[in-house]
Amino acid sequence: ADGSPALGASSAARVVVSVRSFHRFANLEGMT
């Protein structure tokens, strides 16, 4: 909505991997 362009398949996959790593870390640290 803010005008950021759509990501290609490989870039989108990398972002999802980053988000997965973040939530895994949050769970291991007891944040969730």
Full PDB file with SEQRES, HELIX, SHEET, SSBOND, CRYST1, ORIGX, SCALE, CONECT and MASTER records, all heavy atoms in Angstrom:
SEQRES   1 A   32  ALA ASP GLY SER PRO ALA LEU GLY ALA SER SER ALA ALA          
SEQRES   2 A   32  ARG VAL VAL VAL SER VAL ARG SER PHE HIS ARG PHE ALA          
SEQRES   3 A   32  ASN LEU GLU GLY MET THR                                      
HELIX    1 AA1 ALA A    9  LEU A   28  1                                  20    
CRYST1    1.000    1.000    1.000  90.00  90.00  90.00 P 1           1          
ORIGX1      1.000000  0.000000  0.000000        0.00000                         
ORIGX2      0.000000  1.000000  0.000000        0.00000                         
ORIGX3      0.000000  0.000000  1.000000        0.00000                         
SCALE1      1.000000  0.000000  0.000000        0.00000                         
SCALE2      0.000000  1.000000  0.000000        0.00000                         
SCALE3      0.000000  0.000000  1.000000        0.00000                         
ATOM      1  N   ALA A   1       0.824  -1.215   0.000  1.00  0.00           N  
ATOM      2  CA  ALA A   1       0.000   0.000   0.000  1.00  0.00           C  
ATOM      3  C   ALA A   1       0.853   1.259   0.000  1.00  0.00           C  
ATOM      4  O   ALA A   1       0.438   2.305  -0.506  1.00  0.00           O  
ATOM      5  CB  ALA A   1      -0.926  -0.018   1.210  1.00  0.00           C  
ATOM      6  N   ASP A   2       2.062   1.180   0.573  1.00  0.00           N  
ATOM      7  CA  ASP A   2       2.931   2.355   0.629  1.00  0.00           C  
ATOM      8  C   ASP A   2       3.750   2.549  -0.644  1.00  0.00           C  
ATOM      9  O   ASP A   2       4.614   3.416  -0.714  1.00  0.00           O  
ATOM     10  CB  ASP A   2       3.854   2.271   1.841  1.00  0.00           C  
ATOM     11  CG  ASP A   2       4.804   1.062   1.751  1.00  0.00           C  
ATOM     12  OD1 ASP A   2       4.739   0.317   0.759  1.00  0.00           O  
ATOM     13  OD2 ASP A   2       5.592   0.875   2.701  1.00  0.00           O  
ATOM     14  N   GLY A   3       3.467   1.713  -1.642  1.00  0.00           N  
ATOM     15  CA  GLY A   3       4.178   1.849  -2.911  1.00  0.00           C  
ATOM     16  C   GLY A   3       5.378   0.947  -3.062  1.00  0.00           C  
ATOM     17  O   GLY A   3       6.018   0.932  -4.123  1.00  0.00           O  
ATOM     18  N   SER A   4       5.722   0.166  -2.042  1.00  0.00           N  
ATOM     19  CA  SER A   4       6.855  -0.772  -2.144  1.00  0.00           C  
ATOM     20  C   SER A   4       6.555  -1.805  -3.219  1.00  0.00           C  
ATOM     21  O   SER A   4       5.443  -2.336  -3.271  1.00  0.00           O  
ATOM     22  CB  SER A   4       7.085  -1.472  -0.803  1.00  0.00           C  
ATOM     23  OG  SER A   4       7.396  -0.532   0.205  1.00  0.00           O  
ATOM     24  N   PRO A   5       7.506  -2.080  -4.088  1.00  0.00           N  
ATOM     25  CA  PRO A   5       7.247  -3.011  -5.189  1.00  0.00           C  
ATOM     26  C   PRO A   5       7.119  -4.452  -4.712  1.00  0.00           C  
ATOM     27  O   PRO A   5       7.576  -4.803  -3.618  1.00  0.00           O  
ATOM     28  CB  PRO A   5       8.481  -2.838  -6.075  1.00  0.00           C  
ATOM     29  CG  PRO A   5       9.567  -2.426  -5.116  1.00  0.00           C  
ATOM     30  CD  PRO A   5       8.875  -1.553  -4.102  1.00  0.00           C  
ATOM     31  N   ALA A   6       6.478  -5.251  -5.529  1.00  0.00           N  
ATOM     32  CA  ALA A   6       6.389  -6.685  -5.247  1.00  0.00           C  
ATOM     33  C   ALA A   6       7.781  -7.298  -5.338  1.00  0.00           C  
ATOM     34  O   ALA A   6       8.633  -6.822  -6.096  1.00  0.00           O  
ATOM     35  CB  ALA A   6       5.447  -7.351  -6.243  1.00  0.00           C  
ATOM     36  N   LEU A   7       8.015  -8.342  -4.564  1.00  0.00           N  
ATOM     37  CA  LEU A   7       9.314  -9.015  -4.570  1.00  0.00           C  
ATOM     38  C   LEU A   7       9.286 -10.211  -5.510  1.00  0.00           C  
ATOM     39  O   LEU A   7       8.238 -10.834  -5.714  1.00  0.00           O  
ATOM     40  CB  LEU A   7       9.672  -9.488  -3.157  1.00  0.00           C  
ATOM     41  CG  LEU A   7       9.832  -8.409  -2.086  1.00  0.00           C  
ATOM     42  CD1 LEU A   7      10.241  -9.058  -0.764  1.00  0.00           C  
ATOM     43  CD2 LEU A   7      10.871  -7.368  -2.495  1.00  0.00           C  
ATOM     44  N   GLY A   8      10.441 -10.517  -6.041  1.00  0.00           N  
ATOM     45  CA  GLY A   8      10.578 -11.722  -6.843  1.00  0.00           C  
ATOM     46  C   GLY A   8      10.530 -12.953  -5.955  1.00  0.00           C  
ATOM     47  O   GLY A   8      10.588 -12.858  -4.720  1.00  0.00           O  
ATOM     48  N   ALA A   9      10.450 -14.122  -6.578  1.00  0.00           N  
ATOM     49  CA  ALA A   9      10.300 -15.373  -5.825  1.00  0.00           C  
ATOM     50  C   ALA A   9      11.450 -15.594  -4.845  1.00  0.00           C  
ATOM     51  O   ALA A   9      11.230 -15.943  -3.686  1.00  0.00           O  
ATOM     52  CB  ALA A   9      10.181 -16.548  -6.788  1.00  0.00           C  
ATOM     53  N   SER A  10      12.687 -15.396  -5.291  1.00  0.00           N  
ATOM     54  CA  SER A  10      13.834 -15.663  -4.420  1.00  0.00           C  
ATOM     55  C   SER A  10      13.915 -14.655  -3.279  1.00  0.00           C  
ATOM     56  O   SER A  10      14.230 -15.019  -2.136  1.00  0.00           O  
ATOM     57  CB  SER A  10      15.136 -15.647  -5.230  1.00  0.00           C  
ATOM     58  OG  SER A  10      15.314 -14.402  -5.872  1.00  0.00           O  
ATOM     59  N   SER A  11      13.612 -13.365  -3.562  1.00  0.00           N  
ATOM     60  CA  SER A  11      13.648 -12.340  -2.511  1.00  0.00           C  
ATOM     61  C   SER A  11      12.545 -12.586  -1.485  1.00  0.00           C  
ATOM     62  O   SER A  11      12.758 -12.444  -0.272  1.00  0.00           O  
ATOM     63  CB  SER A  11      13.487 -10.951  -3.123  1.00  0.00           C  
ATOM     64  OG  SER A  11      14.585 -10.640  -3.961  1.00  0.00           O  
ATOM     65  N   ALA A  12      11.350 -12.951  -1.969  1.00  0.00           N  
ATOM     66  CA  ALA A  12      10.237 -13.229  -1.060  1.00  0.00           C  
ATOM     67  C   ALA A  12      10.554 -14.424  -0.170  1.00  0.00           C  
ATOM     68  O   ALA A  12      10.267 -14.419   1.033  1.00  0.00           O  
ATOM     69  CB  ALA A  12       8.960 -13.488  -1.856  1.00  0.00           C  
ATOM     70  N   ALA A  13      11.182 -15.439  -0.744  1.00  0.00           N  
ATOM     71  CA  ALA A  13      11.549 -16.620   0.044  1.00  0.00           C  
ATOM     72  C   ALA A  13      12.560 -16.246   1.124  1.00  0.00           C  
ATOM     73  O   ALA A  13      12.486 -16.741   2.257  1.00  0.00           O  
ATOM     74  CB  ALA A  13      12.119 -17.696  -0.873  1.00  0.00           C  
ATOM     75  N   ARG A  14      13.497 -15.361   0.797  1.00  0.00           N  
ATOM     76  CA  ARG A  14      14.486 -14.936   1.784  1.00  0.00           C  
ATOM     77  C   ARG A  14      13.833 -14.196   2.947  1.00  0.00           C  
ATOM     78  O   ARG A  14      14.195 -14.400   4.108  1.00  0.00           O  
ATOM     79  CB  ARG A  14      15.517 -14.017   1.120  1.00  0.00           C  
ATOM     80  CG  ARG A  14      16.713 -13.665   2.014  1.00  0.00           C  
ATOM     81  CD  ARG A  14      17.388 -12.381   1.590  1.00  0.00           C  
ATOM     82  NE  ARG A  14      16.544 -11.237   1.785  1.00  0.00           N  
ATOM     83  CZ  ARG A  14      16.302 -10.314   0.841  1.00  0.00           C  
ATOM     84  NH1 ARG A  14      16.842 -10.428  -0.357  1.00  0.00           N  
ATOM     85  NH2 ARG A  14      15.507  -9.290   1.105  1.00  0.00           N  
ATOM     86  N   VAL A  15      12.853 -13.336   2.646  1.00  0.00           N  
ATOM     87  CA  VAL A  15      12.160 -12.598   3.701  1.00  0.00           C  
ATOM     88  C   VAL A  15      11.435 -13.559   4.635  1.00  0.00           C  
ATOM     89  O   VAL A  15      11.476 -13.415   5.868  1.00  0.00           O  
ATOM     90  CB  VAL A  15      11.161 -11.585   3.100  1.00  0.00           C  
ATOM     91  CG1 VAL A  15      10.350 -10.928   4.210  1.00  0.00           C  
ATOM     92  CG2 VAL A  15      11.899 -10.521   2.302  1.00  0.00           C  
ATOM     93  N   VAL A  16      10.772 -14.563   4.071  1.00  0.00           N  
ATOM     94  CA  VAL A  16      10.053 -15.537   4.893  1.00  0.00           C  
ATOM     95  C   VAL A  16      11.022 -16.295   5.790  1.00  0.00           C  
ATOM     96  O   VAL A  16      10.731 -16.558   6.962  1.00  0.00           O  
ATOM     97  CB  VAL A  16       9.246 -16.519   4.005  1.00  0.00           C  
ATOM     98  CG1 VAL A  16       8.632 -17.640   4.856  1.00  0.00           C  
ATOM     99  CG2 VAL A  16       8.148 -15.771   3.259  1.00  0.00           C  
ATOM    100  N   VAL A  17      12.174 -16.637   5.268  1.00  0.00           N  
ATOM    101  CA  VAL A  17      13.187 -17.325   6.072  1.00  0.00           C  
ATOM    102  C   VAL A  17      13.623 -16.433   7.231  1.00  0.00           C  
ATOM    103  O   VAL A  17      13.813 -16.896   8.365  1.00  0.00           O  
ATOM    104  CB  VAL A  17      14.394 -17.721   5.202  1.00  0.00           C  
ATOM    105  CG1 VAL A  17      15.555 -18.207   6.073  1.00  0.00           C  
ATOM    106  CG2 VAL A  17      13.998 -18.810   4.219  1.00  0.00           C  
ATOM    107  N   SER A  18      13.778 -15.140   6.974  1.00  0.00           N  
ATOM    108  CA  SER A  18      14.157 -14.196   8.034  1.00  0.00           C  
ATOM    109  C   SER A  18      13.082 -14.146   9.120  1.00  0.00           C  
ATOM    110  O   SER A  18      13.391 -14.140  10.322  1.00  0.00           O  
ATOM    111  CB  SER A  18      14.361 -12.796   7.449  1.00  0.00           C  
ATOM    112  OG  SER A  18      15.448 -12.772   6.553  1.00  0.00           O  
ATOM    113  N   VAL A  19      11.818 -14.118   8.715  1.00  0.00           N  
ATOM    114  CA  VAL A  19      10.710 -14.079   9.673  1.00  0.00           C  
ATOM    115  C   VAL A  19      10.659 -15.377  10.480  1.00  0.00           C  
ATOM    116  O   VAL A  19      10.436 -15.363  11.695  1.00  0.00           O  
ATOM    117  CB  VAL A  19       9.378 -13.829   8.939  1.00  0.00           C  
ATOM    118  CG1 VAL A  19       8.191 -14.012   9.890  1.00  0.00           C  
ATOM    119  CG2 VAL A  19       9.365 -12.429   8.334  1.00  0.00           C  
ATOM    120  N   ARG A  20      10.883 -16.492   9.821  1.00  0.00           N  
ATOM    121  CA  ARG A  20      10.911 -17.778  10.535  1.00  0.00           C  
ATOM    122  C   ARG A  20      12.028 -17.786  11.580  1.00  0.00           C  
ATOM    123  O   ARG A  20      11.837 -18.262  12.713  1.00  0.00           O  
ATOM    124  CB  ARG A  20      11.112 -18.933   9.538  1.00  0.00           C  
ATOM    125  CG  ARG A  20       9.841 -19.349   8.812  1.00  0.00           C  
ATOM    126  CD  ARG A  20      10.153 -20.319   7.659  1.00  0.00           C  
ATOM    127  NE  ARG A  20      11.002 -21.416   8.089  1.00  0.00           N  
ATOM    128  CZ  ARG A  20      10.555 -22.546   8.667  1.00  0.00           C  
ATOM    129  NH1 ARG A  20       9.258 -22.695   8.881  1.00  0.00           N  
ATOM    130  NH2 ARG A  20      11.395 -23.503   9.001  1.00  0.00           N  
ATOM    131  N   SER A  21      13.183 -17.242  11.210  1.00  0.00           N  
ATOM    132  CA  SER A  21      14.313 -17.202  12.148  1.00  0.00           C  
ATOM    133  C   SER A  21      13.985 -16.323  13.348  1.00  0.00           C  
ATOM    134  O   SER A  21      14.324 -16.663  14.497  1.00  0.00           O  
ATOM    135  CB  SER A  21      15.562 -16.674  11.441  1.00  0.00           C  
ATOM    136  OG  SER A  21      15.963 -17.528  10.393  1.00  0.00           O  
ATOM    137  N   PHE A  22      13.315 -15.203  13.095  1.00  0.00           N  
ATOM    138  CA  PHE A  22      12.940 -14.297  14.177  1.00  0.00           C  
ATOM    139  C   PHE A  22      11.994 -14.984  15.170  1.00  0.00           C  
ATOM    140  O   PHE A  22      12.189 -14.921  16.387  1.00  0.00           O  
ATOM    141  CB  PHE A  22      12.284 -13.042  13.609  1.00  0.00           C  
ATOM    142  CG  PHE A  22      11.566 -12.219  14.644  1.00  0.00           C  
ATOM    143  CD1 PHE A  22      12.278 -11.482  15.586  1.00  0.00           C  
ATOM    144  CD2 PHE A  22      10.177 -12.201  14.702  1.00  0.00           C  
ATOM    145  CE1 PHE A  22      11.625 -10.734  16.555  1.00  0.00           C  
ATOM    146  CE2 PHE A  22       9.516 -11.459  15.669  1.00  0.00           C  
ATOM    147  CZ  PHE A  22      10.235 -10.721  16.598  1.00  0.00           C  
ATOM    148  N   HIS A  23      10.953 -15.636  14.667  1.00  0.00           N  
ATOM    149  CA  HIS A  23       9.981 -16.271  15.556  1.00  0.00           C  
ATOM    150  C   HIS A  23      10.591 -17.476  16.291  1.00  0.00           C  
ATOM    151  O   HIS A  23      10.240 -17.735  17.447  1.00  0.00           O  
ATOM    152  CB  HIS A  23       8.747 -16.687  14.766  1.00  0.00           C  
ATOM    153  CG  HIS A  23       7.788 -15.548  14.527  1.00  0.00           C  
ATOM    154  ND1 HIS A  23       7.000 -15.027  15.521  1.00  0.00           N  
ATOM    155  CD2 HIS A  23       7.531 -14.823  13.410  1.00  0.00           C  
ATOM    156  CE1 HIS A  23       6.271 -14.034  15.037  1.00  0.00           C  
ATOM    157  NE2 HIS A  23       6.578 -13.878  13.745  1.00  0.00           N  
ATOM    158  N   ARG A  24      11.495 -18.177  15.633  1.00  0.00           N  
ATOM    159  CA  ARG A  24      12.174 -19.279  16.312  1.00  0.00           C  
ATOM    160  C   ARG A  24      13.017 -18.747  17.463  1.00  0.00           C  
ATOM    161  O   ARG A  24      13.021 -19.319  18.572  1.00  0.00           O  
ATOM    162  CB  ARG A  24      13.047 -20.057  15.322  1.00  0.00           C  
ATOM    163  CG  ARG A  24      13.730 -21.270  15.942  1.00  0.00           C  
ATOM    164  CD  ARG A  24      14.333 -22.197  14.902  1.00  0.00           C  
ATOM    165  NE  ARG A  24      15.308 -21.520  14.064  1.00  0.00           N  
ATOM    166  CZ  ARG A  24      15.126 -21.239  12.773  1.00  0.00           C  
ATOM    167  NH1 ARG A  24      13.984 -21.539  12.184  1.00  0.00           N  
ATOM    168  NH2 ARG A  24      16.068 -20.613  12.078  1.00  0.00           N  
ATOM    169  N   PHE A  25      13.711 -17.650  17.213  1.00  0.00           N  
ATOM    170  CA  PHE A  25      14.518 -17.015  18.267  1.00  0.00           C  
ATOM    171  C   PHE A  25      13.633 -16.546  19.419  1.00  0.00           C  
ATOM    172  O   PHE A  25      13.962 -16.752  20.597  1.00  0.00           O  
ATOM    173  CB  PHE A  25      15.294 -15.830  17.683  1.00  0.00           C  
ATOM    174  CG  PHE A  25      16.005 -14.993  18.705  1.00  0.00           C  
ATOM    175  CD1 PHE A  25      17.214 -15.407  19.242  1.00  0.00           C  
ATOM    176  CD2 PHE A  25      15.448 -13.792  19.153  1.00  0.00           C  
ATOM    177  CE1 PHE A  25      17.868 -14.637  20.193  1.00  0.00           C  
ATOM    178  CE2 PHE A  25      16.098 -13.019  20.103  1.00  0.00           C  
ATOM    179  CZ  PHE A  25      17.308 -13.447  20.625  1.00  0.00           C  
ATOM    180  N   ALA A  26      12.515 -15.892  19.089  1.00  0.00           N  
ATOM    181  CA  ALA A  26      11.607 -15.386  20.121  1.00  0.00           C  
ATOM    182  C   ALA A  26      11.082 -16.520  20.989  1.00  0.00           C  
ATOM    183  O   ALA A  26      10.966 -16.387  22.217  1.00  0.00           O  
ATOM    184  CB  ALA A  26      10.447 -14.630  19.472  1.00  0.00           C  
ATOM    185  N   ASN A  27      10.791 -17.651  20.362  1.00  0.00           N  
ATOM    186  CA  ASN A  27      10.287 -18.796  21.124  1.00  0.00           C  
ATOM    187  C   ASN A  27      11.371 -19.398  22.011  1.00  0.00           C  
ATOM    188  O   ASN A  27      11.125 -19.727  23.183  1.00  0.00           O  
ATOM    189  CB  ASN A  27       9.737 -19.838  20.147  1.00  0.00           C  
ATOM    190  CG  ASN A  27       9.139 -21.050  20.838  1.00  0.00           C  
ATOM    191  OD1 ASN A  27       9.549 -22.184  20.603  1.00  0.00           O  
ATOM    192  ND2 ASN A  27       8.175 -20.836  21.723  1.00  0.00           N  
ATOM    193  N   LEU A  28      12.580 -19.524  21.481  1.00  0.00           N  
ATOM    194  CA  LEU A  28      13.686 -20.088  22.259  1.00  0.00           C  
ATOM    195  C   LEU A  28      14.058 -19.197  23.436  1.00  0.00           C  
ATOM    196  O   LEU A  28      14.484 -19.680  24.493  1.00  0.00           O  
ATOM    197  CB  LEU A  28      14.906 -20.302  21.350  1.00  0.00           C  
ATOM    198  CG  LEU A  28      14.792 -21.406  20.301  1.00  0.00           C  
ATOM    199  CD1 LEU A  28      15.995 -21.387  19.376  1.00  0.00           C  
ATOM    200  CD2 LEU A  28      14.677 -22.777  20.975  1.00  0.00           C  
ATOM    201  N   GLU A  29      13.896 -17.896  23.273  1.00  0.00           N  
ATOM    202  CA  GLU A  29      14.230 -16.949  24.337  1.00  0.00           C  
ATOM    203  C   GLU A  29      13.093 -16.751  25.336  1.00  0.00           C  
ATOM    204  O   GLU A  29      13.217 -15.968  26.274  1.00  0.00           O  
ATOM    205  CB  GLU A  29      14.617 -15.598  23.731  1.00  0.00           C  
ATOM    206  CG  GLU A  29      15.923 -15.611  22.969  1.00  0.00           C  
ATOM    207  CD  GLU A  29      17.114 -15.904  23.874  1.00  0.00           C  
ATOM    208  OE1 GLU A  29      17.235 -15.246  24.927  1.00  0.00           O  
ATOM    209  OE2 GLU A  29      17.910 -16.793  23.527  1.00  0.00           O  
ATOM    210  N   GLY A  30      11.978 -17.456  25.137  1.00  0.00           N  
ATOM    211  CA  GLY A  30      10.858 -17.352  26.066  1.00  0.00           C  
ATOM    212  C   GLY A  30       9.988 -16.139  25.853  1.00  0.00           C  
ATOM    213  O   GLY A  30       9.130 -15.828  26.700  1.00  0.00           O  
ATOM    214  N   MET A  31      10.156 -15.466  24.730  1.00  0.00           N  
ATOM    215  CA  MET A  31       9.321 -14.303  24.439  1.00  0.00           C  
ATOM    216  C   MET A  31       7.923 -14.728  23.998  1.00  0.00           C  
ATOM    217  O   MET A  31       6.973 -13.947  24.103  1.00  0.00           O  
ATOM    218  CB  MET A  31       9.980 -13.446  23.348  1.00  0.00           C  
ATOM    219  CG  MET A  31      11.346 -12.892  23.749  1.00  0.00           C  
ATOM    220  SD  MET A  31      12.282 -12.247  22.329  1.00  0.00           S  
ATOM    221  CE  MET A  31      11.189 -10.947  21.764  1.00  0.00           C  
ATOM    222  N   THR A  32       7.801 -15.951  23.484  1.00  0.00           N  
ATOM    223  CA  THR A  32       6.510 -16.495  23.084  1.00  0.00           C  
ATOM    224  C   THR A  32       6.411 -17.928  23.566  1.00  0.00           C  
ATOM    225  O   THR A  32       7.435 -18.595  23.799  1.00  0.00           O  
ATOM    226  CB  THR A  32       6.337 -16.470  21.548  1.00  0.00           C  
ATOM    227  OG1 THR A  32       7.377 -17.258  20.943  1.00  0.00           O  
ATOM    228  CG2 THR A  32       6.414 -15.048  21.013  1.00  0.00           C  
TER     229      THR A  32                                                      
MASTER        0    0    0    1    0    0    0    6  228    1    0    3          
END                                                                             
